[in-house]
Structures are given as C-alpha cells and as structure tokens.
Amino acid sequence: MHEMSVALSIIEAVDEKARLEGAGRISEIELVVGRLAGIDAESLKFCFSAAARDSLAEHAVLAVREREGQGLCTACGSSFPLAFHIAECPVCRSFSVRIVSGDEFFIQSITIEEKE
C-alpha cells in the first residue's frame, strides 16, 4: 500500500515546515487529491494516523478535498468528466484527450498552533 509512504512524506513535509515556523503542534492539514492521482483518499486517511505518531501532527485533522477528473479533447475542443487516464471524446470519438484536472496531489494548507 503506497498510501503509507505518501502519508509519511506528508508528515515529514508539514512537520519540517511547522518546526521552522516555531509551532507547538499542527491542528489541521488540508490536501487536494485528484481522483486520477492514483491515491485512495480513504486509505490515506487510515495510514495518516499511524504515520503522524510522535510528530507535531499527531492529533491533526486530515481534510482531503477530492477533485474530479476533467478531460479536454485536443481534436474538437470538448471538455468532459474523466474517470480514467485513457478516454474517448464523447463528441468526436477521438482518443486525443488531455487531462486538465483530477491528477493533482498537493498540500493546500497547514494550520499550526504556537508553543505555549
């Protein structure tokens, strides 16, 4: 399950940033995860609690905002929802489709609390 390595990387990144900012703890981490990013959001949430142990994010809320896939046909210019990386344009039947959203994965924000 690669979600555990993803969760560990998230913890490493936010923990480092929070320490640089002098934080006492991280209370929330907001992620953006596209449905085509190859990351299962529920598995990531499950792995997050184990990965966060003994870090500044140990009690943080993990908020995952999922983005739907969106494709653009480069042949006819039609835009349409995507459920997979390879798709046929519903208008012209071309397979010349570019993903314009849904493959994102990034940390949107971190909420930190100062040391007491």
PDB file of N, CA and C in Angstrom:
ATOM      1  N   MET A   1       0.854  -1.177   0.000  1.00  0.00           N
ATOM      2  CA  MET A   1       0.000   0.000   0.000  1.00  0.00           C
ATOM      3  C   MET A   1       0.900   1.240   0.000  1.00  0.00           C
ATOM      4  N   HIS A   2       0.927   1.961  -1.090  1.00  0.00           N
ATOM      5  CA  HIS A   2       1.804   3.126  -1.193  1.00  0.00           C
ATOM      6  C   HIS A   2       1.243   4.337  -0.444  1.00  0.00           C
ATOM      7  N   GLU A   3       0.003   4.272   0.018  1.00  0.00           N
ATOM      8  CA  GLU A   3      -0.562   5.383   0.779  1.00  0.00           C
ATOM      9  C   GLU A   3       0.205   5.633   2.077  1.00  0.00           C
ATOM     10  N   MET A   4       0.802   4.569   2.654  1.00  0.00           N
ATOM     11  CA  MET A   4       1.600   4.764   3.874  1.00  0.00           C
ATOM     12  C   MET A   4       2.840   5.590   3.573  1.00  0.00           C
ATOM     13  N   SER A   5       3.514   5.330   2.465  1.00  0.00           N
ATOM     14  CA  SER A   5       4.692   6.134   2.130  1.00  0.00           C
ATOM     15  C   SER A   5       4.290   7.562   1.791  1.00  0.00           C
ATOM     16  N   VAL A   6       3.126   7.738   1.185  1.00  0.00           N
ATOM     17  CA  VAL A   6       2.608   9.085   0.902  1.00  0.00           C
ATOM     18  C   VAL A   6       2.317   9.807   2.215  1.00  0.00           C
ATOM     19  N   ALA A   7       1.670   9.106   3.151  1.00  0.00           N
ATOM     20  CA  ALA A   7       1.356   9.707   4.457  1.00  0.00           C
ATOM     21  C   ALA A   7       2.632  10.100   5.198  1.00  0.00           C
ATOM     22  N   LEU A   8       3.645   9.250   5.159  1.00  0.00           N
ATOM     23  CA  LEU A   8       4.920   9.567   5.815  1.00  0.00           C
ATOM     24  C   LEU A   8       5.581  10.789   5.182  1.00  0.00           C
ATOM     25  N   SER A   9       5.493  10.908   3.866  1.00  0.00           N
ATOM     26  CA  SER A   9       6.061  12.075   3.175  1.00  0.00           C
ATOM     27  C   SER A   9       5.317  13.360   3.553  1.00  0.00           C
ATOM     28  N   ILE A  10       4.006  13.271   3.686  1.00  0.00           N
ATOM     29  CA  ILE A  10       3.215  14.430   4.099  1.00  0.00           C
ATOM     30  C   ILE A  10       3.632  14.869   5.491  1.00  0.00           C
ATOM     31  N   ILE A  11       3.724  13.906   6.407  1.00  0.00           N
ATOM     32  CA  ILE A  11       4.112  14.217   7.788  1.00  0.00           C
ATOM     33  C   ILE A  11       5.493  14.851   7.824  1.00  0.00           C
ATOM     34  N   GLU A  12       6.420  14.308   7.075  1.00  0.00           N
ATOM     35  CA  GLU A  12       7.775  14.853   7.036  1.00  0.00           C
ATOM     36  C   GLU A  12       7.758  16.306   6.555  1.00  0.00           C
ATOM     37  N   ALA A  13       7.008  16.581   5.504  1.00  0.00           N
ATOM     38  CA  ALA A  13       6.961  17.939   4.937  1.00  0.00           C
ATOM     39  C   ALA A  13       6.307  18.933   5.887  1.00  0.00           C
ATOM     40  N   VAL A  14       5.157  18.570   6.445  1.00  0.00           N
ATOM     41  CA  VAL A  14       4.451  19.526   7.307  1.00  0.00           C
ATOM     42  C   VAL A  14       5.140  19.691   8.652  1.00  0.00           C
ATOM     43  N   ASP A  15       5.723  18.623   9.151  1.00  0.00           N
ATOM     44  CA  ASP A  15       6.440  18.697  10.425  1.00  0.00           C
ATOM     45  C   ASP A  15       7.634  19.639  10.305  1.00  0.00           C
ATOM     46  N   GLU A  16       8.385  19.509   9.212  1.00  0.00           N
ATOM     47  CA  GLU A  16       9.536  20.375   8.981  1.00  0.00           C
ATOM     48  C   GLU A  16       9.111  21.842   8.881  1.00  0.00           C
ATOM     49  N   LYS A  17       8.061  22.106   8.105  1.00  0.00           N
ATOM     50  CA  LYS A  17       7.582  23.483   7.934  1.00  0.00           C
ATOM     51  C   LYS A  17       7.068  24.048   9.254  1.00  0.00           C
ATOM     52  N   ALA A  18       6.328  23.260  10.007  1.00  0.00           N
ATOM     53  CA  ALA A  18       5.787  23.730  11.286  1.00  0.00           C
ATOM     54  C   ALA A  18       6.909  24.034  12.275  1.00  0.00           C
ATOM     55  N   ARG A  19       7.926  23.216  12.310  1.00  0.00           N
ATOM     56  CA  ARG A  19       9.064  23.466  13.224  1.00  0.00           C
ATOM     57  C   ARG A  19       9.793  24.753  12.845  1.00  0.00           C
ATOM     58  N   LEU A  20       9.943  24.998  11.536  1.00  0.00           N
ATOM     59  CA  LEU A  20      10.575  26.245  11.079  1.00  0.00           C
ATOM     60  C   LEU A  20       9.775  27.471  11.511  1.00  0.00           C
ATOM     61  N   GLU A  21       8.450  27.298  11.588  1.00  0.00           N
ATOM     62  CA  GLU A  21       7.570  28.397  11.994  1.00  0.00           C
ATOM     63  C   GLU A  21       7.424  28.501  13.510  1.00  0.00           C
ATOM     64  N   GLY A  22       8.077  27.603  14.258  1.00  0.00           N
ATOM     65  CA  GLY A  22       8.009  27.632  15.711  1.00  0.00           C
ATOM     66  C   GLY A  22       6.709  27.098  16.283  1.00  0.00           C
ATOM     67  N   ALA A  23       6.074  26.200  15.583  1.00  0.00           N
ATOM     68  CA  ALA A  23       4.787  25.667  16.022  1.00  0.00           C
ATOM     69  C   ALA A  23       4.938  24.691  17.178  1.00  0.00           C
ATOM     70  N   GLY A  24       3.904  24.677  18.015  1.00  0.00           N
ATOM     71  CA  GLY A  24       3.836  23.700  19.088  1.00  0.00           C
ATOM     72  C   GLY A  24       3.165  22.426  18.618  1.00  0.00           C
ATOM     73  N   ARG A  25       2.217  22.602  17.696  1.00  0.00           N
ATOM     74  CA  ARG A  25       1.544  21.446  17.113  1.00  0.00           C
ATOM     75  C   ARG A  25       0.824  21.847  15.828  1.00  0.00           C
ATOM     76  N   ILE A  26       0.480  20.854  15.048  1.00  0.00           N
ATOM     77  CA  ILE A  26      -0.300  21.054  13.827  1.00  0.00           C
ATOM     78  C   ILE A  26      -1.712  20.587  14.135  1.00  0.00           C
ATOM     79  N   SER A  27      -2.698  21.445  13.891  1.00  0.00           N
ATOM     80  CA  SER A  27      -4.074  21.055  14.194  1.00  0.00           C
ATOM     81  C   SER A  27      -4.851  20.574  12.968  1.00  0.00           C
ATOM     82  N   GLU A  28      -4.438  21.008  11.767  1.00  0.00           N
ATOM     83  CA  GLU A  28      -5.131  20.545  10.565  1.00  0.00           C
ATOM     84  C   GLU A  28      -4.202  20.587   9.366  1.00  0.00           C
ATOM     85  N   ILE A  29      -4.380  19.607   8.502  1.00  0.00           N
ATOM     86  CA  ILE A  29      -3.678  19.554   7.221  1.00  0.00           C
ATOM     87  C   ILE A  29      -4.748  19.380   6.154  1.00  0.00           C
ATOM     88  N   GLU A  30      -4.739  20.268   5.172  1.00  0.00           N
ATOM     89  CA  GLU A  30      -5.699  20.179   4.084  1.00  0.00           C
ATOM     90  C   GLU A  30      -4.968  19.758   2.811  1.00  0.00           C
ATOM     91  N   LEU A  31      -5.425  18.664   2.214  1.00  0.00           N
ATOM     92  CA  LEU A  31      -4.843  18.140   0.988  1.00  0.00           C
ATOM     93  C   LEU A  31      -5.829  18.269  -0.159  1.00  0.00           C
ATOM     94  N   VAL A  32      -5.299  18.385  -1.359  1.00  0.00           N
ATOM     95  CA  VAL A  32      -6.096  18.284  -2.573  1.00  0.00           C
ATOM     96  C   VAL A  32      -5.612  17.032  -3.287  1.00  0.00           C
ATOM     97  N   VAL A  33      -6.544  16.113  -3.530  1.00  0.00           N
ATOM     98  CA  VAL A  33      -6.216  14.846  -4.168  1.00  0.00           C
ATOM     99  C   VAL A  33      -7.173  14.627  -5.333  1.00  0.00           C
ATOM    100  N   GLY A  34      -6.625  14.588  -6.526  1.00  0.00           N
ATOM    101  CA  GLY A  34      -7.442  14.317  -7.707  1.00  0.00           C
ATOM    102  C   GLY A  34      -7.796  12.852  -7.786  1.00  0.00           C
ATOM    103  N   ARG A  35      -8.957  12.569  -8.309  1.00  0.00           N
ATOM    104  CA  ARG A  35      -9.423  11.177  -8.424  1.00  0.00           C
ATOM    105  C   ARG A  35      -8.569  10.360  -9.386  1.00  0.00           C
ATOM    106  N   LEU A  36      -7.770  11.041 -10.213  1.00  0.00           N
ATOM    107  CA  LEU A  36      -6.889  10.344 -11.149  1.00  0.00           C
ATOM    108  C   LEU A  36      -5.443  10.304 -10.659  1.00  0.00           C
ATOM    109  N   ALA A  37      -5.202  10.730  -9.429  1.00  0.00           N
ATOM    110  CA  ALA A  37      -3.841  10.816  -8.897  1.00  0.00           C
ATOM    111  C   ALA A  37      -3.281   9.465  -8.463  1.00  0.00           C
ATOM    112  N   GLY A  38      -4.117   8.444  -8.414  1.00  0.00           N
ATOM    113  CA  GLY A  38      -3.635   7.128  -8.015  1.00  0.00           C
ATOM    114  C   GLY A  38      -3.480   6.978  -6.516  1.00  0.00           C
ATOM    115  N   ILE A  39      -4.164   7.824  -5.754  1.00  0.00           N
ATOM    116  CA  ILE A  39      -4.110   7.774  -4.294  1.00  0.00           C
ATOM    117  C   ILE A  39      -5.523   7.566  -3.783  1.00  0.00           C
ATOM    118  N   ASP A  40      -5.711   6.517  -2.999  1.00  0.00           N
ATOM    119  CA  ASP A  40      -7.007   6.255  -2.408  1.00  0.00           C
ATOM    120  C   ASP A  40      -7.143   7.106  -1.141  1.00  0.00           C
ATOM    121  N   ALA A  41      -8.069   8.054  -1.168  1.00  0.00           N
ATOM    122  CA  ALA A  41      -8.216   9.011  -0.069  1.00  0.00           C
ATOM    123  C   ALA A  41      -8.531   8.325   1.261  1.00  0.00           C
ATOM    124  N   GLU A  42      -9.370   7.318   1.246  1.00  0.00           N
ATOM    125  CA  GLU A  42      -9.723   6.623   2.494  1.00  0.00           C
ATOM    126  C   GLU A  42      -8.529   5.869   3.068  1.00  0.00           C
ATOM    127  N   SER A  43      -7.759   5.214   2.211  1.00  0.00           N
ATOM    128  CA  SER A  43      -6.549   4.522   2.674  1.00  0.00           C
ATOM    129  C   SER A  43      -5.532   5.509   3.220  1.00  0.00           C
ATOM    130  N   LEU A  44      -5.429   6.668   2.573  1.00  0.00           N
ATOM    131  CA  LEU A  44      -4.502   7.692   3.029  1.00  0.00           C
ATOM    132  C   LEU A  44      -4.890   8.187   4.420  1.00  0.00           C
ATOM    133  N   LYS A  45      -6.166   8.414   4.639  1.00  0.00           N
ATOM    134  CA  LYS A  45      -6.642   8.849   5.964  1.00  0.00           C
ATOM    135  C   LYS A  45      -6.324   7.800   7.023  1.00  0.00           C
ATOM    136  N   PHE A  46      -6.512   6.537   6.678  1.00  0.00           N
ATOM    137  CA  PHE A  46      -6.222   5.447   7.603  1.00  0.00           C
ATOM    138  C   PHE A  46      -4.739   5.411   7.961  1.00  0.00           C
ATOM    139  N   CYS A  47      -3.882   5.536   6.954  1.00  0.00           N
ATOM    140  CA  CYS A  47      -2.434   5.497   7.163  1.00  0.00           C
ATOM    141  C   CYS A  47      -1.925   6.733   7.898  1.00  0.00           C
ATOM    142  N   PHE A  48      -2.612   7.847   7.708  1.00  0.00           N
ATOM    143  CA  PHE A  48      -2.174   9.110   8.288  1.00  0.00           C
ATOM    144  C   PHE A  48      -2.049   9.034   9.808  1.00  0.00           C
ATOM    145  N   SER A  49      -3.023   8.424  10.473  1.00  0.00           N
ATOM    146  CA  SER A  49      -2.989   8.387  11.938  1.00  0.00           C
ATOM    147  C   SER A  49      -1.764   7.634  12.450  1.00  0.00           C
ATOM    148  N   ALA A  50      -1.380   6.562  11.778  1.00  0.00           N
ATOM    149  CA  ALA A  50      -0.183   5.826  12.186  1.00  0.00           C
ATOM    150  C   ALA A  50       1.079   6.604  11.842  1.00  0.00           C
ATOM    151  N   ALA A  51       1.099   7.233  10.691  1.00  0.00           N
ATOM    152  CA  ALA A  51       2.279   7.982  10.252  1.00  0.00           C
ATOM    153  C   ALA A  51       2.523   9.212  11.115  1.00  0.00           C
ATOM    154  N   ALA A  52       1.467   9.774  11.679  1.00  0.00           N
ATOM    155  CA  ALA A  52       1.584  11.019  12.437  1.00  0.00           C
ATOM    156  C   ALA A  52       2.042  10.825  13.880  1.00  0.00           C
ATOM    157  N   ARG A  53       2.108   9.602  14.343  1.00  0.00           N
ATOM    158  CA  ARG A  53       2.528   9.364  15.742  1.00  0.00           C
ATOM    159  C   ARG A  53       3.880   9.994  16.027  1.00  0.00           C
ATOM    160  N   ASP A  54       3.957  10.621  17.199  1.00  0.00           N
ATOM    161  CA  ASP A  54       5.190  11.263  17.683  1.00  0.00           C
ATOM    162  C   ASP A  54       5.667  12.402  16.795  1.00  0.00           C
ATOM    163  N   SER A  55       4.743  13.025  16.068  1.00  0.00           N
ATOM    164  CA  SER A  55       5.086  14.200  15.274  1.00  0.00           C
ATOM    165  C   SER A  55       4.223  15.364  15.749  1.00  0.00           C
ATOM    166  N   LEU A  56       4.476  16.537  15.223  1.00  0.00           N
ATOM    167  CA  LEU A  56       3.639  17.696  15.563  1.00  0.00           C
ATOM    168  C   LEU A  56       2.213  17.534  15.036  1.00  0.00           C
ATOM    169  N   ALA A  57       2.018  16.611  14.120  1.00  0.00           N
ATOM    170  CA  ALA A  57       0.695  16.395  13.526  1.00  0.00           C
ATOM    171  C   ALA A  57      -0.044  15.216  14.154  1.00  0.00           C
ATOM    172  N   GLU A  58       0.420  14.750  15.289  1.00  0.00           N
ATOM    173  CA  GLU A  58      -0.154  13.542  15.890  1.00  0.00           C
ATOM    174  C   GLU A  58      -1.667  13.631  16.088  1.00  0.00           C
ATOM    175  N   HIS A  59      -2.175  14.785  16.457  1.00  0.00           N
ATOM    176  CA  HIS A  59      -3.612  14.938  16.702  1.00  0.00           C
ATOM    177  C   HIS A  59      -4.288  15.812  15.643  1.00  0.00           C
ATOM    178  N   ALA A  60      -3.630  15.987  14.520  1.00  0.00           N
ATOM    179  CA  ALA A  60      -4.165  16.850  13.466  1.00  0.00           C
ATOM    180  C   ALA A  60      -5.332  16.191  12.738  1.00  0.00           C
ATOM    181  N   VAL A  61      -6.224  17.037  12.275  1.00  0.00           N
ATOM    182  CA  VAL A  61      -7.304  16.597  11.399  1.00  0.00           C
ATOM    183  C   VAL A  61      -6.765  16.611   9.976  1.00  0.00           C
ATOM    184  N   LEU A  62      -6.996  15.530   9.256  1.00  0.00           N
ATOM    185  CA  LEU A  62      -6.589  15.465   7.853  1.00  0.00           C
ATOM    186  C   LEU A  62      -7.832  15.691   7.002  1.00  0.00           C
ATOM    187  N   ALA A  63      -7.887  16.843   6.346  1.00  0.00           N
ATOM    188  CA  ALA A  63      -9.017  17.177   5.468  1.00  0.00           C
ATOM    189  C   ALA A  63      -8.584  16.935   4.028  1.00  0.00           C
ATOM    190  N   VAL A  64      -9.281  16.039   3.354  1.00  0.00           N
ATOM    191  CA  VAL A  64      -8.940  15.698   1.975  1.00  0.00           C
ATOM    192  C   VAL A  64     -10.039  16.220   1.060  1.00  0.00           C
ATOM    193  N   ARG A  65      -9.665  17.099   0.159  1.00  0.00           N
ATOM    194  CA  ARG A  65     -10.593  17.637  -0.846  1.00  0.00           C
ATOM    195  C   ARG A  65     -10.314  16.898  -2.155  1.00  0.00           C
ATOM    196  N   GLU A  66     -11.273  16.113  -2.575  1.00  0.00           N
ATOM    197  CA  GLU A  66     -11.090  15.353  -3.808  1.00  0.00           C
ATOM    198  C   GLU A  66     -11.562  16.162  -5.007  1.00  0.00           C
ATOM    199  N   ARG A  67     -10.798  16.063  -6.084  1.00  0.00           N
ATOM    200  CA  ARG A  67     -11.157  16.744  -7.337  1.00  0.00           C
ATOM    201  C   ARG A  67     -11.487  15.702  -8.392  1.00  0.00           C
ATOM    202  N   GLU A  68     -12.559  15.966  -9.091  1.00  0.00           N
ATOM    203  CA  GLU A  68     -12.977  15.075 -10.176  1.00  0.00           C
ATOM    204  C   GLU A  68     -12.030  15.230 -11.362  1.00  0.00           C
ATOM    205  N   GLY A  69     -11.958  14.190 -12.160  1.00  0.00           N
ATOM    206  CA  GLY A  69     -11.165  14.245 -13.380  1.00  0.00           C
ATOM    207  C   GLY A  69     -11.903  15.013 -14.466  1.00  0.00           C
ATOM    208  N   GLN A  70     -11.151  15.789 -15.215  1.00  0.00           N
ATOM    209  CA  GLN A  70     -11.718  16.567 -16.320  1.00  0.00           C
ATOM    210  C   GLN A  70     -10.773  16.434 -17.504  1.00  0.00           C
ATOM    211  N   GLY A  71     -11.343  16.135 -18.669  1.00  0.00           N
ATOM    212  CA  GLY A  71     -10.543  15.978 -19.869  1.00  0.00           C
ATOM    213  C   GLY A  71     -10.879  17.016 -20.918  1.00  0.00           C
ATOM    214  N   LEU A  72      -9.927  17.239 -21.811  1.00  0.00           N
ATOM    215  CA  LEU A  72     -10.113  18.160 -22.925  1.00  0.00           C
ATOM    216  C   LEU A  72      -9.685  17.438 -24.195  1.00  0.00           C
ATOM    217  N   CYS A  73     -10.585  17.362 -25.156  1.00  0.00           N
ATOM    218  CA  CYS A  73     -10.267  16.737 -26.436  1.00  0.00           C
ATOM    219  C   CYS A  73      -9.453  17.729 -27.263  1.00  0.00           C
ATOM    220  N   THR A  74      -8.246  17.318 -27.646  1.00  0.00           N
ATOM    221  CA  THR A  74      -7.404  18.218 -28.436  1.00  0.00           C
ATOM    222  C   THR A  74      -7.822  18.233 -29.902  1.00  0.00           C
ATOM    223  N   ALA A  75      -8.689  17.311 -30.301  1.00  0.00           N
ATOM    224  CA  ALA A  75      -9.166  17.279 -31.688  1.00  0.00           C
ATOM    225  C   ALA A  75     -10.327  18.233 -31.908  1.00  0.00           C
ATOM    226  N   CYS A  76     -11.313  18.232 -30.979  1.00  0.00           N
ATOM    227  CA  CYS A  76     -12.508  19.061 -31.202  1.00  0.00           C
ATOM    228  C   CYS A  76     -12.723  20.136 -30.132  1.00  0.00           C
ATOM    229  N   GLY A  77     -11.929  20.096 -29.056  1.00  0.00           N
ATOM    230  CA  GLY A  77     -12.031  21.118 -28.017  1.00  0.00           C
ATOM    231  C   GLY A  77     -13.089  20.871 -26.963  1.00  0.00           C
ATOM    232  N   SER A  78     -13.748  19.726 -26.997  1.00  0.00           N
ATOM    233  CA  SER A  78     -14.773  19.416 -25.995  1.00  0.00           C
ATOM    234  C   SER A  78     -14.143  19.139 -24.635  1.00  0.00           C
ATOM    235  N   SER A  79     -14.844  19.558 -23.606  1.00  0.00           N
ATOM    236  CA  SER A  79     -14.429  19.310 -22.229  1.00  0.00           C
ATOM    237  C   SER A  79     -15.454  18.361 -21.609  1.00  0.00           C
ATOM    238  N   PHE A  80     -14.968  17.372 -20.839  1.00  0.00           N
ATOM    239  CA  PHE A  80     -15.878  16.377 -20.274  1.00  0.00           C
ATOM    240  C   PHE A  80     -15.243  15.713 -19.054  1.00  0.00           C
ATOM    241  N   PRO A  81     -16.078  15.113 -18.175  1.00  0.00           N
ATOM    242  CA  PRO A  81     -15.557  14.427 -16.992  1.00  0.00           C
ATOM    243  C   PRO A  81     -14.776  13.180 -17.376  1.00  0.00           C
ATOM    244  N   LEU A  82     -13.725  12.904 -16.605  1.00  0.00           N
ATOM    245  CA  LEU A  82     -12.894  11.715 -16.822  1.00  0.00           C
ATOM    246  C   LEU A  82     -12.935  10.830 -15.581  1.00  0.00           C
ATOM    247  N   ALA A  83     -12.992   9.531 -15.810  1.00  0.00           N
ATOM    248  CA  ALA A  83     -12.909   8.581 -14.710  1.00  0.00           C
ATOM    249  C   ALA A  83     -11.627   7.755 -14.789  1.00  0.00           C
ATOM    250  N   PHE A  84     -10.898   7.886 -15.905  1.00  0.00           N
ATOM    251  CA  PHE A  84      -9.687   7.104 -16.121  1.00  0.00           C
ATOM    252  C   PHE A  84      -8.726   7.921 -16.982  1.00  0.00           C
ATOM    253  N   HIS A  85      -7.458   7.557 -16.975  1.00  0.00           N
ATOM    254  CA  HIS A  85      -6.435   8.299 -17.718  1.00  0.00           C
ATOM    255  C   HIS A  85      -6.597   8.230 -19.233  1.00  0.00           C
ATOM    256  N   ILE A  86      -7.139   7.148 -19.721  1.00  0.00           N
ATOM    257  CA  ILE A  86      -7.355   6.986 -21.158  1.00  0.00           C
ATOM    258  C   ILE A  86      -8.851   7.109 -21.407  1.00  0.00           C
ATOM    259  N   ALA A  87      -9.216   7.981 -22.345  1.00  0.00           N
ATOM    260  CA  ALA A  87     -10.643   8.199 -22.597  1.00  0.00           C
ATOM    261  C   ALA A  87     -10.886   8.531 -24.058  1.00  0.00           C
ATOM    262  N   GLU A  88     -12.096   8.267 -24.441  1.00  0.00           N
ATOM    263  CA  GLU A  88     -12.554   8.611 -25.774  1.00  0.00           C
ATOM    264  C   GLU A  88     -13.455   9.839 -25.649  1.00  0.00           C
ATOM    265  N   CYS A  89     -13.244  10.811 -26.503  1.00  0.00           N
ATOM    266  CA  CYS A  89     -14.083  12.006 -26.504  1.00  0.00           C
ATOM    267  C   CYS A  89     -15.527  11.594 -26.812  1.00  0.00           C
ATOM    268  N   PRO A  90     -16.486  12.019 -25.988  1.00  0.00           N
ATOM    269  CA  PRO A  90     -17.879  11.647 -26.244  1.00  0.00           C
ATOM    270  C   PRO A  90     -18.485  12.365 -27.450  1.00  0.00           C
ATOM    271  N   VAL A  91     -17.810  13.403 -27.947  1.00  0.00           N
ATOM    272  CA  VAL A  91     -18.339  14.177 -29.074  1.00  0.00           C
ATOM    273  C   VAL A  91     -17.810  13.653 -30.406  1.00  0.00           C
ATOM    274  N   CYS A  92     -16.471  13.605 -30.535  1.00  0.00           N
ATOM    275  CA  CYS A  92     -15.881  13.243 -31.838  1.00  0.00           C
ATOM    276  C   CYS A  92     -15.253  11.854 -31.863  1.00  0.00           C
ATOM    277  N   ARG A  93     -15.227  11.170 -30.725  1.00  0.00           N
ATOM    278  CA  ARG A  93     -14.687   9.807 -30.588  1.00  0.00           C
ATOM    279  C   ARG A  93     -13.174   9.717 -30.728  1.00  0.00           C
ATOM    280  N   SER A  94     -12.485  10.840 -30.641  1.00  0.00           N
ATOM    281  CA  SER A  94     -11.029  10.849 -30.680  1.00  0.00           C
ATOM    282  C   SER A  94     -10.484  10.381 -29.331  1.00  0.00           C
ATOM    283  N   PHE A  95      -9.306   9.749 -29.372  1.00  0.00           N
ATOM    284  CA  PHE A  95      -8.612   9.376 -28.137  1.00  0.00           C
ATOM    285  C   PHE A  95      -7.520  10.394 -27.802  1.00  0.00           C
ATOM    286  N   SER A  96      -7.525  11.511 -28.481  1.00  0.00           N
ATOM    287  CA  SER A  96      -6.558  12.572 -28.233  1.00  0.00           C
ATOM    288  C   SER A  96      -7.091  13.474 -27.121  1.00  0.00           C
ATOM    289  N   VAL A  97      -7.037  12.945 -25.906  1.00  0.00           N
ATOM    290  CA  VAL A  97      -7.618  13.620 -24.750  1.00  0.00           C
ATOM    291  C   VAL A  97      -6.510  13.985 -23.764  1.00  0.00           C
ATOM    292  N   ARG A  98      -6.548  15.223 -23.309  1.00  0.00           N
ATOM    293  CA  ARG A  98      -5.577  15.719 -22.324  1.00  0.00           C
ATOM    294  C   ARG A  98      -6.289  15.887 -20.985  1.00  0.00           C
ATOM    295  N   ILE A  99      -5.650  15.424 -19.921  1.00  0.00           N
ATOM    296  CA  ILE A  99      -6.190  15.609 -18.578  1.00  0.00           C
ATOM    297  C   ILE A  99      -5.946  17.055 -18.169  1.00  0.00           C
ATOM    298  N   VAL A 100      -7.005  17.771 -17.801  1.00  0.00           N
ATOM    299  CA  VAL A 100      -6.851  19.162 -17.367  1.00  0.00           C
ATOM    300  C   VAL A 100      -7.045  19.318 -15.862  1.00  0.00           C
ATOM    301  N   SER A 101      -7.666  18.353 -15.216  1.00  0.00           N
ATOM    302  CA  SER A 101      -7.741  18.336 -13.750  1.00  0.00           C
ATOM    303  C   SER A 101      -8.091  16.928 -13.292  1.00  0.00           C
ATOM    304  N   GLY A 102      -7.772  16.682 -12.042  1.00  0.00           N
ATOM    305  CA  GLY A 102      -8.065  15.383 -11.463  1.00  0.00           C
ATOM    306  C   GLY A 102      -6.841  14.551 -11.156  1.00  0.00           C
ATOM    307  N   ASP A 103      -5.657  14.990 -11.622  1.00  0.00           N
ATOM    308  CA  ASP A 103      -4.436  14.252 -11.312  1.00  0.00           C
ATOM    309  C   ASP A 103      -3.560  15.000 -10.299  1.00  0.00           C
ATOM    310  N   GLU A 104      -4.148  16.019  -9.661  1.00  0.00           N
ATOM    311  CA  GLU A 104      -3.404  16.826  -8.691  1.00  0.00           C
ATOM    312  C   GLU A 104      -3.211  16.064  -7.376  1.00  0.00           C
ATOM    313  N   PHE A 105      -2.155  16.414  -6.695  1.00  0.00           N
ATOM    314  CA  PHE A 105      -1.933  15.969  -5.317  1.00  0.00           C
ATOM    315  C   PHE A 105      -1.004  16.978  -4.672  1.00  0.00           C
ATOM    316  N   PHE A 106      -1.527  17.737  -3.706  1.00  0.00           N
ATOM    317  CA  PHE A 106      -0.686  18.717  -3.022  1.00  0.00           C
ATOM    318  C   PHE A 106      -1.264  19.086  -1.671  1.00  0.00           C
ATOM    319  N   ILE A 107      -0.398  19.649  -0.828  1.00  0.00           N
ATOM    320  CA  ILE A 107      -0.815  20.159   0.478  1.00  0.00           C
ATOM    321  C   ILE A 107      -1.341  21.565   0.255  1.00  0.00           C
ATOM    322  N   GLN A 108      -2.626  21.757   0.513  1.00  0.00           N
ATOM    323  CA  GLN A 108      -3.278  23.058   0.311  1.00  0.00           C
ATOM    324  C   GLN A 108      -2.937  24.009   1.457  1.00  0.00           C
ATOM    325  N   SER A 109      -3.036  23.499   2.694  1.00  0.00           N
ATOM    326  CA  SER A 109      -2.765  24.368   3.840  1.00  0.00           C
ATOM    327  C   SER A 109      -2.424  23.541   5.072  1.00  0.00           C
ATOM    328  N   ILE A 110      -1.773  24.217   6.002  1.00  0.00           N
ATOM    329  CA  ILE A 110      -1.420  23.618   7.300  1.00  0.00           C
ATOM    330  C   ILE A 110      -1.858  24.634   8.351  1.00  0.00           C
ATOM    331  N   THR A 111      -2.597  24.164   9.343  1.00  0.00           N
ATOM    332  CA  THR A 111      -2.975  25.023  10.460  1.00  0.00           C
ATOM    333  C   THR A 111      -2.109  24.635  11.651  1.00  0.00           C
ATOM    334  N   ILE A 112      -1.338  25.614  12.135  1.00  0.00           N
ATOM    335  CA  ILE A 112      -0.429  25.336  13.247  1.00  0.00           C
ATOM    336  C   ILE A 112      -0.834  26.160  14.461  1.00  0.00           C
ATOM    337  N   GLU A 113      -0.417  25.690  15.619  1.00  0.00           N
ATOM    338  CA  GLU A 113      -0.633  26.412  16.861  1.00  0.00           C
ATOM    339  C   GLU A 113       0.717  26.693  17.488  1.00  0.00           C
ATOM    340  N   GLU A 114       0.842  27.870  18.042  1.00  0.00           N
ATOM    341  CA  GLU A 114       2.110  28.267  18.661  1.00  0.00           C
ATOM    342  C   GLU A 114       2.387  27.472  19.925  1.00  0.00           C
ATOM    343  N   LYS A 115       3.651  27.408  20.280  1.00  0.00           N
ATOM    344  CA  LYS A 115       4.049  26.756  21.541  1.00  0.00           C
ATOM    345  C   LYS A 115       3.480  27.557  22.698  1.00  0.00           C
ATOM    346  N   GLU A 116       3.063  26.840  23.730  1.00  0.00           N
ATOM    347  CA  GLU A 116       2.512  27.534  24.910  1.00  0.00           C
ATOM    348  C   GLU A 116       3.597  27.968  25.845  1.00  0.00           C
TER     349      GLU A 116
END
